Amino acid sequence: MSAIFGELMSFDQDKGPEVKLRVYGDEFYARYETEEGYTAIYDEDLGLFTYARLKDGRFLSSGVDLGRAPPADLPKHLEESNEVRMKKAEKRFSRR
């Protein structure tokens, strides 16, 4: 996989319909956004993509799935800290 900069892609969910998300990243680290610009992460417990919140530089699930309206106070285009991104990328790279 090469780097992707905002390409709209479809993703399956365990407990919901397919969703379309913009992807930013590569095979080692990627960030996902809704078409409206809200950052999304996959919540394994819910089996759904949810709106992401940022805490201590790391994404956390808001618990609100993308089929619903985003939380009113949620900013768009959230990004994890450089340190968090690097650690995640290194972990995935070492698995190869």
N, C-alpha and C. Protein backbone atom coordinates (compact mmCIF):
# COMPACT_ATOMS: atom_id res chain seq x y z
N MET A 1 0.85 -1.19 0.00
CA MET A 1 0.00 0.00 0.00
C MET A 1 0.88 1.24 0.00
N SER A 2 0.53 2.19 -0.79
CA SER A 2 1.25 3.45 -0.79
C SER A 2 0.44 4.48 0.00
N ALA A 3 1.00 5.64 0.16
CA ALA A 3 0.33 6.68 0.93
C ALA A 3 -0.97 7.11 0.24
N ILE A 4 -1.96 7.39 1.08
CA ILE A 4 -3.27 7.85 0.61
C ILE A 4 -3.55 9.19 1.26
N PHE A 5 -4.01 10.13 0.47
CA PHE A 5 -4.26 11.48 0.98
C PHE A 5 -5.69 11.92 0.70
N GLY A 6 -6.62 11.40 1.48
CA GLY A 6 -8.00 11.83 1.36
C GLY A 6 -8.87 11.05 0.41
N GLU A 7 -8.41 9.88 -0.01
CA GLU A 7 -9.22 9.06 -0.90
C GLU A 7 -10.42 8.50 -0.14
N LEU A 8 -11.58 8.52 -0.76
CA LEU A 8 -12.81 8.00 -0.17
C LEU A 8 -12.86 6.50 -0.41
N MET A 9 -12.93 5.72 0.69
CA MET A 9 -12.93 4.27 0.60
C MET A 9 -14.08 3.71 1.43
N SER A 10 -14.50 2.49 1.09
CA SER A 10 -15.60 1.83 1.80
C SER A 10 -15.04 0.82 2.80
N PHE A 11 -15.68 0.75 3.98
CA PHE A 11 -15.24 -0.15 5.04
C PHE A 11 -16.44 -0.92 5.59
N ASP A 12 -16.24 -2.20 5.84
CA ASP A 12 -17.25 -3.02 6.48
C ASP A 12 -17.21 -2.80 7.99
N GLN A 13 -18.34 -3.06 8.63
CA GLN A 13 -18.45 -3.01 10.08
C GLN A 13 -19.08 -4.33 10.54
N ASP A 14 -18.67 -4.82 11.69
CA ASP A 14 -19.23 -6.07 12.20
C ASP A 14 -20.72 -5.95 12.46
N LYS A 15 -21.16 -4.81 13.00
CA LYS A 15 -22.55 -4.69 13.44
C LYS A 15 -23.29 -3.53 12.77
N GLY A 16 -22.90 -3.23 11.56
CA GLY A 16 -23.56 -2.13 10.87
C GLY A 16 -23.29 -2.17 9.38
N PRO A 17 -23.87 -1.23 8.67
CA PRO A 17 -23.68 -1.18 7.22
C PRO A 17 -22.28 -0.69 6.85
N GLU A 18 -21.94 -0.88 5.63
CA GLU A 18 -20.69 -0.36 5.09
C GLU A 18 -20.67 1.16 5.24
N VAL A 19 -19.48 1.72 5.55
CA VAL A 19 -19.34 3.17 5.66
C VAL A 19 -18.26 3.65 4.70
N LYS A 20 -18.41 4.89 4.25
CA LYS A 20 -17.41 5.52 3.39
C LYS A 20 -16.63 6.52 4.23
N LEU A 21 -15.30 6.39 4.20
CA LEU A 21 -14.42 7.27 4.97
C LEU A 21 -13.27 7.74 4.12
N ARG A 22 -12.80 8.94 4.38
CA ARG A 22 -11.59 9.45 3.74
C ARG A 22 -10.40 8.92 4.53
N VAL A 23 -9.40 8.45 3.80
CA VAL A 23 -8.24 7.84 4.43
C VAL A 23 -7.02 8.72 4.19
N TYR A 24 -6.24 8.89 5.27
CA TYR A 24 -4.99 9.65 5.22
C TYR A 24 -3.92 8.79 5.88
N GLY A 25 -2.96 8.32 5.11
CA GLY A 25 -1.89 7.52 5.71
C GLY A 25 -1.38 6.44 4.79
N ASP A 26 -0.82 5.40 5.42
CA ASP A 26 -0.24 4.28 4.68
C ASP A 26 -0.49 2.99 5.45
N GLU A 27 0.24 1.91 5.08
CA GLU A 27 0.01 0.62 5.73
C GLU A 27 0.46 0.58 7.19
N PHE A 28 1.23 1.55 7.63
CA PHE A 28 1.72 1.57 9.00
C PHE A 28 0.90 2.46 9.93
N TYR A 29 0.32 3.50 9.38
CA TYR A 29 -0.53 4.38 10.18
C TYR A 29 -1.51 5.09 9.25
N ALA A 30 -2.77 5.05 9.61
CA ALA A 30 -3.79 5.74 8.82
C ALA A 30 -4.81 6.40 9.74
N ARG A 31 -5.34 7.50 9.28
CA ARG A 31 -6.38 8.25 9.98
C ARG A 31 -7.59 8.29 9.06
N TYR A 32 -8.78 8.21 9.65
CA TYR A 32 -10.02 8.15 8.88
C TYR A 32 -10.92 9.32 9.25
N GLU A 33 -11.60 9.85 8.25
CA GLU A 33 -12.56 10.93 8.47
C GLU A 33 -13.84 10.66 7.70
N THR A 34 -14.95 11.14 8.26
CA THR A 34 -16.21 11.10 7.53
C THR A 34 -16.12 12.09 6.38
N GLU A 35 -17.08 12.04 5.49
CA GLU A 35 -17.09 13.00 4.38
C GLU A 35 -17.27 14.43 4.88
N GLU A 36 -17.81 14.60 6.07
CA GLU A 36 -18.00 15.92 6.67
C GLU A 36 -16.76 16.40 7.42
N GLY A 37 -15.74 15.54 7.57
CA GLY A 37 -14.49 15.94 8.21
C GLY A 37 -14.31 15.53 9.65
N TYR A 38 -15.23 14.72 10.18
CA TYR A 38 -15.08 14.25 11.56
C TYR A 38 -14.18 13.01 11.58
N THR A 39 -13.24 12.98 12.50
CA THR A 39 -12.34 11.85 12.62
C THR A 39 -13.11 10.65 13.16
N ALA A 40 -12.81 9.47 12.60
CA ALA A 40 -13.50 8.24 12.97
C ALA A 40 -12.49 7.17 13.36
N ILE A 41 -12.89 6.32 14.31
CA ILE A 41 -12.10 5.14 14.66
C ILE A 41 -13.05 3.96 14.78
N TYR A 42 -12.48 2.76 14.66
CA TYR A 42 -13.30 1.56 14.79
C TYR A 42 -13.35 1.16 16.26
N ASP A 43 -14.54 1.06 16.80
CA ASP A 43 -14.75 0.65 18.18
C ASP A 43 -15.02 -0.85 18.18
N GLU A 44 -14.03 -1.63 18.60
CA GLU A 44 -14.15 -3.10 18.60
C GLU A 44 -15.31 -3.58 19.46
N ASP A 45 -15.53 -2.92 20.59
CA ASP A 45 -16.61 -3.34 21.49
C ASP A 45 -17.98 -3.16 20.85
N LEU A 46 -18.17 -2.09 20.11
CA LEU A 46 -19.45 -1.82 19.44
C LEU A 46 -19.55 -2.51 18.09
N GLY A 47 -18.40 -2.83 17.48
CA GLY A 47 -18.41 -3.40 16.14
C GLY A 47 -18.78 -2.39 15.08
N LEU A 48 -18.50 -1.10 15.38
CA LEU A 48 -18.88 0.00 14.50
C LEU A 48 -17.79 1.07 14.48
N PHE A 49 -17.76 1.83 13.40
CA PHE A 49 -16.94 3.04 13.39
C PHE A 49 -17.69 4.09 14.21
N THR A 50 -16.94 4.84 15.01
CA THR A 50 -17.52 5.89 15.84
C THR A 50 -16.75 7.18 15.63
N TYR A 51 -17.36 8.28 16.04
CA TYR A 51 -16.65 9.56 16.04
C TYR A 51 -15.54 9.46 17.09
N ALA A 52 -14.38 9.98 16.74
CA ALA A 52 -13.24 9.93 17.65
C ALA A 52 -13.15 11.19 18.49
N ARG A 53 -12.69 11.00 19.70
CA ARG A 53 -12.30 12.11 20.57
C ARG A 53 -10.80 11.99 20.77
N LEU A 54 -10.20 13.07 21.23
CA LEU A 54 -8.76 13.10 21.47
C LEU A 54 -8.52 13.28 22.96
N LYS A 55 -7.72 12.38 23.54
CA LYS A 55 -7.36 12.49 24.95
C LYS A 55 -5.88 12.12 25.09
N ASP A 56 -5.11 13.02 25.67
CA ASP A 56 -3.68 12.81 25.85
C ASP A 56 -2.99 12.45 24.53
N GLY A 57 -3.44 13.08 23.44
CA GLY A 57 -2.81 12.88 22.14
C GLY A 57 -3.22 11.61 21.42
N ARG A 58 -4.19 10.88 21.97
CA ARG A 58 -4.59 9.59 21.41
C ARG A 58 -6.09 9.59 21.13
N PHE A 59 -6.49 8.91 20.04
CA PHE A 59 -7.90 8.78 19.72
C PHE A 59 -8.59 7.82 20.68
N LEU A 60 -9.80 8.19 21.07
CA LEU A 60 -10.69 7.34 21.85
C LEU A 60 -12.06 7.38 21.19
N SER A 61 -12.78 6.29 21.31
CA SER A 61 -14.13 6.25 20.77
C SER A 61 -15.04 7.16 21.59
N SER A 62 -15.87 7.91 20.89
CA SER A 62 -16.89 8.72 21.57
C SER A 62 -18.07 7.85 21.99
N GLY A 63 -18.15 6.65 21.41
CA GLY A 63 -19.29 5.77 21.65
C GLY A 63 -20.48 6.09 20.77
N VAL A 64 -20.34 7.12 19.93
CA VAL A 64 -21.42 7.54 19.02
C VAL A 64 -21.08 7.03 17.62
N ASP A 65 -21.91 6.10 17.12
CA ASP A 65 -21.60 5.54 15.80
C ASP A 65 -21.89 6.55 14.69
N LEU A 66 -21.28 6.31 13.55
CA LEU A 66 -21.36 7.27 12.44
C LEU A 66 -22.74 7.38 11.81
N GLY A 67 -23.65 6.48 12.17
CA GLY A 67 -25.02 6.56 11.68
C GLY A 67 -25.84 7.62 12.40
N ARG A 68 -25.25 8.18 13.46
CA ARG A 68 -25.93 9.21 14.24
C ARG A 68 -25.22 10.55 14.04
N ALA A 69 -25.83 11.60 14.53
CA ALA A 69 -25.22 12.94 14.45
C ALA A 69 -24.00 12.98 15.37
N PRO A 70 -22.97 13.73 14.98
CA PRO A 70 -21.79 13.83 15.84
C PRO A 70 -22.10 14.61 17.11
N PRO A 71 -21.35 14.35 18.19
CA PRO A 71 -21.53 15.15 19.40
C PRO A 71 -21.37 16.64 19.07
N ALA A 72 -22.16 17.48 19.69
CA ALA A 72 -22.20 18.90 19.38
C ALA A 72 -20.86 19.60 19.57
N ASP A 73 -20.09 19.18 20.54
CA ASP A 73 -18.82 19.85 20.86
C ASP A 73 -17.61 19.24 20.15
N LEU A 74 -17.83 18.35 19.22
CA LEU A 74 -16.73 17.62 18.59
C LEU A 74 -16.09 18.43 17.46
N PRO A 75 -14.78 18.71 17.57
CA PRO A 75 -14.10 19.40 16.48
C PRO A 75 -13.83 18.45 15.30
N LYS A 76 -13.64 19.02 14.15
CA LYS A 76 -13.31 18.24 12.95
C LYS A 76 -11.80 18.11 12.80
N HIS A 77 -11.39 17.15 11.98
CA HIS A 77 -9.99 16.95 11.56
C HIS A 77 -9.03 16.73 12.73
N LEU A 78 -9.44 15.94 13.70
CA LEU A 78 -8.55 15.63 14.82
C LEU A 78 -7.37 14.79 14.35
N GLU A 79 -6.22 14.97 15.00
CA GLU A 79 -5.04 14.17 14.69
C GLU A 79 -4.35 13.76 15.98
N GLU A 80 -3.86 12.52 16.01
CA GLU A 80 -3.11 12.05 17.17
C GLU A 80 -1.76 12.75 17.20
N SER A 81 -1.14 12.76 18.37
CA SER A 81 0.17 13.40 18.51
C SER A 81 1.21 12.65 17.68
N ASN A 82 2.30 13.33 17.36
CA ASN A 82 3.38 12.69 16.61
C ASN A 82 3.90 11.46 17.35
N GLU A 83 4.03 11.56 18.66
CA GLU A 83 4.54 10.44 19.46
C GLU A 83 3.62 9.22 19.34
N VAL A 84 2.33 9.42 19.45
CA VAL A 84 1.38 8.32 19.34
C VAL A 84 1.42 7.72 17.94
N ARG A 85 1.45 8.56 16.93
CA ARG A 85 1.51 8.06 15.54
C ARG A 85 2.77 7.24 15.31
N MET A 86 3.88 7.72 15.80
CA MET A 86 5.14 7.01 15.61
C MET A 86 5.13 5.65 16.32
N LYS A 87 4.62 5.60 17.53
CA LYS A 87 4.55 4.33 18.27
C LYS A 87 3.66 3.32 17.55
N LYS A 88 2.52 3.77 17.05
CA LYS A 88 1.62 2.87 16.32
C LYS A 88 2.27 2.38 15.03
N ALA A 89 2.94 3.28 14.32
CA ALA A 89 3.60 2.90 13.07
C ALA A 89 4.74 1.92 13.35
N GLU A 90 5.53 2.17 14.37
CA GLU A 90 6.63 1.27 14.72
C GLU A 90 6.12 -0.12 15.08
N LYS A 91 5.02 -0.17 15.81
CA LYS A 91 4.43 -1.46 16.21
C LYS A 91 4.00 -2.24 14.98
N ARG A 92 3.35 -1.58 14.05
CA ARG A 92 2.90 -2.27 12.83
C ARG A 92 4.10 -2.68 11.96
N PHE A 93 5.10 -1.82 11.90
CA PHE A 93 6.29 -2.12 11.10
C PHE A 93 7.01 -3.35 11.66
N SER A 94 7.10 -3.45 12.97
CA SER A 94 7.82 -4.58 13.59
C SER A 94 7.10 -5.90 13.39
N ARG A 95 5.81 -5.86 13.11
CA ARG A 95 5.04 -7.09 12.85
C ARG A 95 5.34 -7.68 11.46
N ARG A 96 5.93 -6.87 10.61
CA ARG A 96 6.18 -7.32 9.22
C ARG A 96 7.35 -8.20 9.14
